[in-house]
């Protein structure tokens, strides 16, 4: 159930970022493109977290 909740949350996040509705995303995005977006934003979050940790250590 938790995975389904996080998938739905990401769908709303992505729709918001792309200026579309969830229904529009579901109609137009292939499964491969959806997975690519999840990987992209996951890696982006990791880079941001690493940068924050690095900045804290530099203080």
N, C-alpha and C. Protein backbone atom coordinates (compact mmCIF):
# COMPACT_ATOMS: atom_id res chain seq x y z
N UNK A 1 0.82 -1.20 0.00
CA UNK A 1 0.00 0.00 0.00
C UNK A 1 0.86 1.26 0.00
N UNK A 2 1.96 1.25 0.73
CA UNK A 2 2.82 2.43 0.80
C UNK A 2 3.38 2.77 -0.59
N UNK A 3 3.76 1.76 -1.36
CA UNK A 3 4.28 2.00 -2.70
C UNK A 3 3.23 2.64 -3.59
N UNK A 4 1.99 2.17 -3.48
CA UNK A 4 0.90 2.76 -4.27
C UNK A 4 0.70 4.22 -3.90
N UNK A 5 0.78 4.52 -2.60
CA UNK A 5 0.63 5.91 -2.15
C UNK A 5 1.74 6.79 -2.69
N UNK A 6 2.98 6.29 -2.65
CA UNK A 6 4.09 7.10 -3.14
C UNK A 6 4.04 7.24 -4.65
N UNK A 7 3.56 6.21 -5.36
CA UNK A 7 3.38 6.32 -6.81
C UNK A 7 2.35 7.39 -7.14
N UNK A 8 1.25 7.39 -6.44
CA UNK A 8 0.20 8.38 -6.68
C UNK A 8 0.71 9.78 -6.34
N UNK A 9 1.43 9.89 -5.24
CA UNK A 9 1.99 11.19 -4.85
C UNK A 9 2.94 11.70 -5.94
N UNK A 10 3.77 10.79 -6.48
CA UNK A 10 4.68 11.21 -7.53
C UNK A 10 3.93 11.61 -8.80
N UNK A 11 2.85 10.90 -9.11
CA UNK A 11 2.04 11.28 -10.28
C UNK A 11 1.53 12.71 -10.14
N UNK A 12 1.03 13.06 -8.97
CA UNK A 12 0.55 14.42 -8.75
C UNK A 12 1.70 15.43 -8.80
N UNK A 13 2.84 15.07 -8.24
CA UNK A 13 4.01 15.95 -8.28
C UNK A 13 4.43 16.20 -9.73
N UNK A 14 4.54 15.13 -10.51
CA UNK A 14 4.97 15.26 -11.90
C UNK A 14 3.96 16.05 -12.72
N UNK A 15 2.70 15.77 -12.52
CA UNK A 15 1.66 16.51 -13.23
C UNK A 15 1.76 18.00 -12.92
N UNK A 16 1.97 18.32 -11.66
CA UNK A 16 2.11 19.72 -11.26
C UNK A 16 3.33 20.36 -11.93
N UNK A 17 4.45 19.65 -11.91
CA UNK A 17 5.68 20.18 -12.51
C UNK A 17 5.54 20.40 -14.02
N UNK A 18 4.76 19.54 -14.67
CA UNK A 18 4.59 19.63 -16.12
C UNK A 18 3.39 20.47 -16.53
N UNK A 19 2.65 20.95 -15.54
CA UNK A 19 1.48 21.78 -15.83
C UNK A 19 0.35 21.01 -16.48
N UNK A 20 0.16 19.78 -16.04
CA UNK A 20 -0.87 18.92 -16.62
C UNK A 20 -1.67 18.28 -15.50
N UNK A 21 -2.74 17.62 -15.87
CA UNK A 21 -3.51 16.87 -14.88
C UNK A 21 -2.96 15.45 -14.83
N UNK A 22 -3.29 14.74 -13.76
CA UNK A 22 -2.87 13.34 -13.65
C UNK A 22 -3.49 12.53 -14.79
N UNK A 23 -4.73 12.81 -15.12
CA UNK A 23 -5.39 12.09 -16.22
C UNK A 23 -4.65 12.31 -17.54
N UNK A 24 -4.21 13.55 -17.78
CA UNK A 24 -3.46 13.83 -19.00
C UNK A 24 -2.14 13.07 -19.02
N UNK A 25 -1.47 13.01 -17.88
CA UNK A 25 -0.21 12.25 -17.81
C UNK A 25 -0.44 10.78 -18.11
N UNK A 26 -1.45 10.22 -17.49
CA UNK A 26 -1.73 8.80 -17.68
C UNK A 26 -2.05 8.47 -19.13
N UNK A 27 -2.67 9.40 -19.83
CA UNK A 27 -3.02 9.17 -21.23
C UNK A 27 -1.82 9.32 -22.16
N UNK A 28 -0.90 10.21 -21.82
CA UNK A 28 0.15 10.57 -22.77
C UNK A 28 1.52 9.97 -22.48
N UNK A 29 1.81 9.61 -21.24
CA UNK A 29 3.14 9.09 -20.90
C UNK A 29 3.18 7.58 -21.04
N UNK A 30 4.22 7.10 -21.69
CA UNK A 30 4.44 5.65 -21.72
C UNK A 30 4.99 5.23 -20.36
N UNK A 31 4.94 3.95 -20.10
CA UNK A 31 5.49 3.42 -18.84
C UNK A 31 6.99 3.71 -18.76
N UNK A 32 7.68 3.56 -19.89
CA UNK A 32 9.13 3.83 -19.91
C UNK A 32 9.44 5.28 -19.57
N UNK A 33 8.66 6.22 -20.12
CA UNK A 33 8.91 7.62 -19.82
C UNK A 33 8.60 7.94 -18.36
N UNK A 34 7.54 7.34 -17.83
CA UNK A 34 7.19 7.55 -16.42
C UNK A 34 8.33 7.07 -15.52
N UNK A 35 8.86 5.89 -15.82
CA UNK A 35 9.97 5.36 -15.03
C UNK A 35 11.19 6.27 -15.15
N UNK A 36 11.44 6.77 -16.35
CA UNK A 36 12.58 7.68 -16.54
C UNK A 36 12.42 8.94 -15.69
N UNK A 37 11.21 9.47 -15.60
CA UNK A 37 10.97 10.65 -14.74
C UNK A 37 11.22 10.31 -13.27
N UNK A 38 10.79 9.14 -12.83
CA UNK A 38 11.01 8.78 -11.42
C UNK A 38 12.50 8.66 -11.13
N UNK A 39 13.25 8.09 -12.06
CA UNK A 39 14.70 7.97 -11.88
C UNK A 39 15.34 9.36 -11.87
N UNK A 40 14.94 10.21 -12.79
CA UNK A 40 15.49 11.56 -12.87
C UNK A 40 15.29 12.32 -11.56
N UNK A 41 14.05 12.35 -11.06
CA UNK A 41 13.78 13.11 -9.84
C UNK A 41 14.40 12.44 -8.61
N UNK A 42 14.49 11.11 -8.61
CA UNK A 42 15.16 10.42 -7.51
C UNK A 42 16.63 10.78 -7.44
N UNK A 43 17.29 10.77 -8.59
CA UNK A 43 18.71 11.13 -8.63
C UNK A 43 18.92 12.60 -8.29
N UNK A 44 18.02 13.45 -8.75
CA UNK A 44 18.12 14.88 -8.44
C UNK A 44 18.02 15.10 -6.93
N UNK A 45 17.11 14.40 -6.28
CA UNK A 45 16.97 14.51 -4.83
C UNK A 45 18.23 14.02 -4.12
N UNK A 46 18.83 12.94 -4.62
CA UNK A 46 20.06 12.43 -4.03
C UNK A 46 21.20 13.44 -4.16
N UNK A 47 21.31 14.05 -5.34
CA UNK A 47 22.37 15.06 -5.54
C UNK A 47 22.18 16.25 -4.61
N UNK A 48 20.94 16.68 -4.46
CA UNK A 48 20.66 17.80 -3.56
C UNK A 48 21.00 17.45 -2.12
N UNK A 49 20.65 16.25 -1.70
CA UNK A 49 20.95 15.81 -0.34
C UNK A 49 22.45 15.74 -0.11
N UNK A 50 23.17 15.20 -1.08
CA UNK A 50 24.62 15.11 -0.97
C UNK A 50 25.25 16.50 -0.91
N UNK A 51 24.76 17.42 -1.71
CA UNK A 51 25.29 18.79 -1.70
C UNK A 51 25.05 19.45 -0.35
N UNK A 52 23.89 19.22 0.23
CA UNK A 52 23.59 19.80 1.55
C UNK A 52 24.52 19.23 2.61
N UNK A 53 24.75 17.92 2.58
CA UNK A 53 25.65 17.30 3.55
C UNK A 53 27.07 17.80 3.38
N UNK A 54 27.48 17.95 2.14
CA UNK A 54 28.83 18.45 1.87
C UNK A 54 28.98 19.89 2.36
N UNK A 55 27.96 20.70 2.14
CA UNK A 55 28.00 22.10 2.59
C UNK A 55 28.04 22.18 4.11
N UNK A 56 27.32 21.31 4.79
CA UNK A 56 27.33 21.32 6.26
C UNK A 56 28.70 20.94 6.80
N UNK A 57 29.37 20.00 6.14
CA UNK A 57 30.70 19.58 6.59
C UNK A 57 31.72 20.69 6.37
N UNK A 58 31.49 21.53 5.38
CA UNK A 58 32.43 22.60 5.06
C UNK A 58 32.36 23.79 5.99
N UNK A 59 31.38 23.82 6.86
CA UNK A 59 31.21 24.96 7.78
C UNK A 59 32.19 24.92 8.90
